[in-house]
Amino acid sequence: MADFDPKEIVGSALLFLLVFCMSATVEVGSMINQLKNRRAILTGVFLQFFVLPLLGFLVVLILDVGHAMAVTLLVVTSSP
């Protein structure tokens, strides 16, 4: 049976609330204008799916972290 740490549960709930509130403040018109900016979208996709995973991989190699930390870092840097 897994041990539940109340601090982790509260921390996760607060993080969810923060991200939800930030996304709820986006105006639809502003979002449509940003979607028309192809260069910004392509730059974001390139950075998110190529540069960030590469940097995560390099950090794992250079810092020689433990297996659990390495997998966590690679998952975080590879996830959109």
C-alpha atoms as a PDB file:
ATOM      1  CA  MET A   1       0.000   0.000   0.000  1.00  0.00           C
ATOM      2  CA  ALA A   2       1.370   3.393  -0.930  1.00  0.00           C
ATOM      3  CA  ASP A   3       2.020   6.012   1.710  1.00  0.00           C
ATOM      4  CA  PHE A   4       0.225   9.278   1.043  1.00  0.00           C
ATOM      5  CA  ASP A   5       2.025  12.413   2.060  1.00  0.00           C
ATOM      6  CA  PRO A   6      -0.433  15.273   2.648  1.00  0.00           C
ATOM      7  CA  LYS A   7       2.206  17.777   1.527  1.00  0.00           C
ATOM      8  CA  GLU A   8       2.474  16.111  -1.885  1.00  0.00           C
ATOM      9  CA  ILE A   9      -1.291  16.039  -2.325  1.00  0.00           C
ATOM     10  CA  VAL A  10      -1.661  19.693  -1.330  1.00  0.00           C
ATOM     11  CA  GLY A  11       1.298  20.673  -3.516  1.00  0.00           C
ATOM     12  CA  SER A  12      -0.166  18.888  -6.536  1.00  0.00           C
ATOM     13  CA  ALA A  13      -3.578  20.440  -5.949  1.00  0.00           C
ATOM     14  CA  LEU A  14      -2.081  23.934  -5.676  1.00  0.00           C
ATOM     15  CA  LEU A  15      -0.020  23.420  -8.829  1.00  0.00           C
ATOM     16  CA  PHE A  16      -3.143  22.274 -10.710  1.00  0.00           C
ATOM     17  CA  LEU A  17      -5.059  25.279  -9.426  1.00  0.00           C
ATOM     18  CA  LEU A  18      -2.292  27.659 -10.488  1.00  0.00           C
ATOM     19  CA  VAL A  19      -2.094  26.248 -14.024  1.00  0.00           C
ATOM     20  CA  PHE A  20      -5.890  26.168 -14.359  1.00  0.00           C
ATOM     21  CA  CYS A  21      -6.271  29.777 -13.204  1.00  0.00           C
ATOM     22  CA  MET A  22      -3.538  30.965 -15.552  1.00  0.00           C
ATOM     23  CA  SER A  23      -5.182  29.262 -18.523  1.00  0.00           C
ATOM     24  CA  ALA A  24      -8.601  30.588 -17.553  1.00  0.00           C
ATOM     25  CA  THR A  25      -7.371  34.182 -17.911  1.00  0.00           C
ATOM     26  CA  VAL A  26      -6.536  33.813 -21.626  1.00  0.00           C
ATOM     27  CA  GLU A  27      -8.843  35.820 -23.858  1.00  0.00           C
ATOM     28  CA  VAL A  28     -10.223  34.067 -26.937  1.00  0.00           C
ATOM     29  CA  GLY A  29      -9.312  36.947 -29.267  1.00  0.00           C
ATOM     30  CA  SER A  30      -5.758  36.970 -28.019  1.00  0.00           C
ATOM     31  CA  MET A  31      -5.497  33.232 -28.536  1.00  0.00           C
ATOM     32  CA  ILE A  32      -6.779  33.490 -32.120  1.00  0.00           C
ATOM     33  CA  ASN A  33      -4.222  36.204 -32.875  1.00  0.00           C
ATOM     34  CA  GLN A  34      -1.427  34.032 -31.516  1.00  0.00           C
ATOM     35  CA  LEU A  35      -2.566  31.037 -33.580  1.00  0.00           C
ATOM     36  CA  LYS A  36      -2.170  33.146 -36.736  1.00  0.00           C
ATOM     37  CA  ASN A  37       1.519  33.723 -35.930  1.00  0.00           C
ATOM     38  CA  ARG A  38       3.034  30.699 -37.716  1.00  0.00           C
ATOM     39  CA  ARG A  39       6.642  31.604 -36.922  1.00  0.00           C
ATOM     40  CA  ALA A  40       5.960  31.675 -33.191  1.00  0.00           C
ATOM     41  CA  ILE A  41       4.159  28.324 -33.334  1.00  0.00           C
ATOM     42  CA  LEU A  42       6.940  26.656 -35.313  1.00  0.00           C
ATOM     43  CA  THR A  43       9.563  28.098 -32.956  1.00  0.00           C
ATOM     44  CA  GLY A  44       7.655  26.777 -29.945  1.00  0.00           C
ATOM     45  CA  VAL A  45       7.220  23.324 -31.477  1.00  0.00           C
ATOM     46  CA  PHE A  46      10.911  23.146 -32.387  1.00  0.00           C
ATOM     47  CA  LEU A  47      12.021  24.187 -28.912  1.00  0.00           C
ATOM     48  CA  GLN A  48       9.523  21.930 -27.114  1.00  0.00           C
ATOM     49  CA  PHE A  49      10.120  18.752 -29.085  1.00  0.00           C
ATOM     50  CA  PHE A  50      13.781  19.026 -30.122  1.00  0.00           C
ATOM     51  CA  VAL A  51      15.798  21.462 -28.021  1.00  0.00           C
ATOM     52  CA  LEU A  52      14.266  20.794 -24.586  1.00  0.00           C
ATOM     53  CA  PRO A  53      14.586  16.974 -24.768  1.00  0.00           C
ATOM     54  CA  LEU A  54      18.156  17.365 -26.039  1.00  0.00           C
ATOM     55  CA  LEU A  55      19.017  19.668 -23.143  1.00  0.00           C
ATOM     56  CA  GLY A  56      17.453  17.234 -20.673  1.00  0.00           C
ATOM     57  CA  PHE A  57      19.495  14.398 -22.146  1.00  0.00           C
ATOM     58  CA  LEU A  58      22.686  16.457 -21.964  1.00  0.00           C
ATOM     59  CA  VAL A  59      22.020  17.391 -18.329  1.00  0.00           C
ATOM     60  CA  VAL A  60      21.550  13.702 -17.483  1.00  0.00           C
ATOM     61  CA  LEU A  61      24.831  12.840 -19.204  1.00  0.00           C
ATOM     62  CA  ILE A  62      26.851  15.722 -17.763  1.00  0.00           C
ATOM     63  CA  LEU A  63      25.590  15.594 -14.171  1.00  0.00           C
ATOM     64  CA  ASP A  64      25.498  11.771 -14.025  1.00  0.00           C
ATOM     65  CA  VAL A  65      22.370  11.747 -11.856  1.00  0.00           C
ATOM     66  CA  GLY A  66      20.757   8.584 -10.487  1.00  0.00           C
ATOM     67  CA  HIS A  67      18.453   6.451 -12.600  1.00  0.00           C
ATOM     68  CA  ALA A  68      15.233   7.694 -10.996  1.00  0.00           C
ATOM     69  CA  MET A  69      16.218  11.345 -11.382  1.00  0.00           C
ATOM     70  CA  ALA A  70      17.417  10.749 -14.950  1.00  0.00           C
ATOM     71  CA  VAL A  71      14.133   9.142 -16.009  1.00  0.00           C
ATOM     72  CA  THR A  72      12.138  11.878 -14.281  1.00  0.00           C
ATOM     73  CA  LEU A  73      14.152  14.620 -15.970  1.00  0.00           C
ATOM     74  CA  LEU A  74      13.861  12.989 -19.385  1.00  0.00           C
ATOM     75  CA  VAL A  75      10.104  12.515 -19.026  1.00  0.00           C
ATOM     76  CA  VAL A  76       9.603  16.115 -17.898  1.00  0.00           C
ATOM     77  CA  THR A  77      11.740  17.595 -20.665  1.00  0.00           C
ATOM     78  CA  SER A  78      10.167  15.367 -23.326  1.00  0.00           C
ATOM     79  CA  SER A  79       6.532  15.978 -22.381  1.00  0.00           C
ATOM     80  CA  PRO A  80       4.651  18.905 -23.882  1.00  0.00           C
END
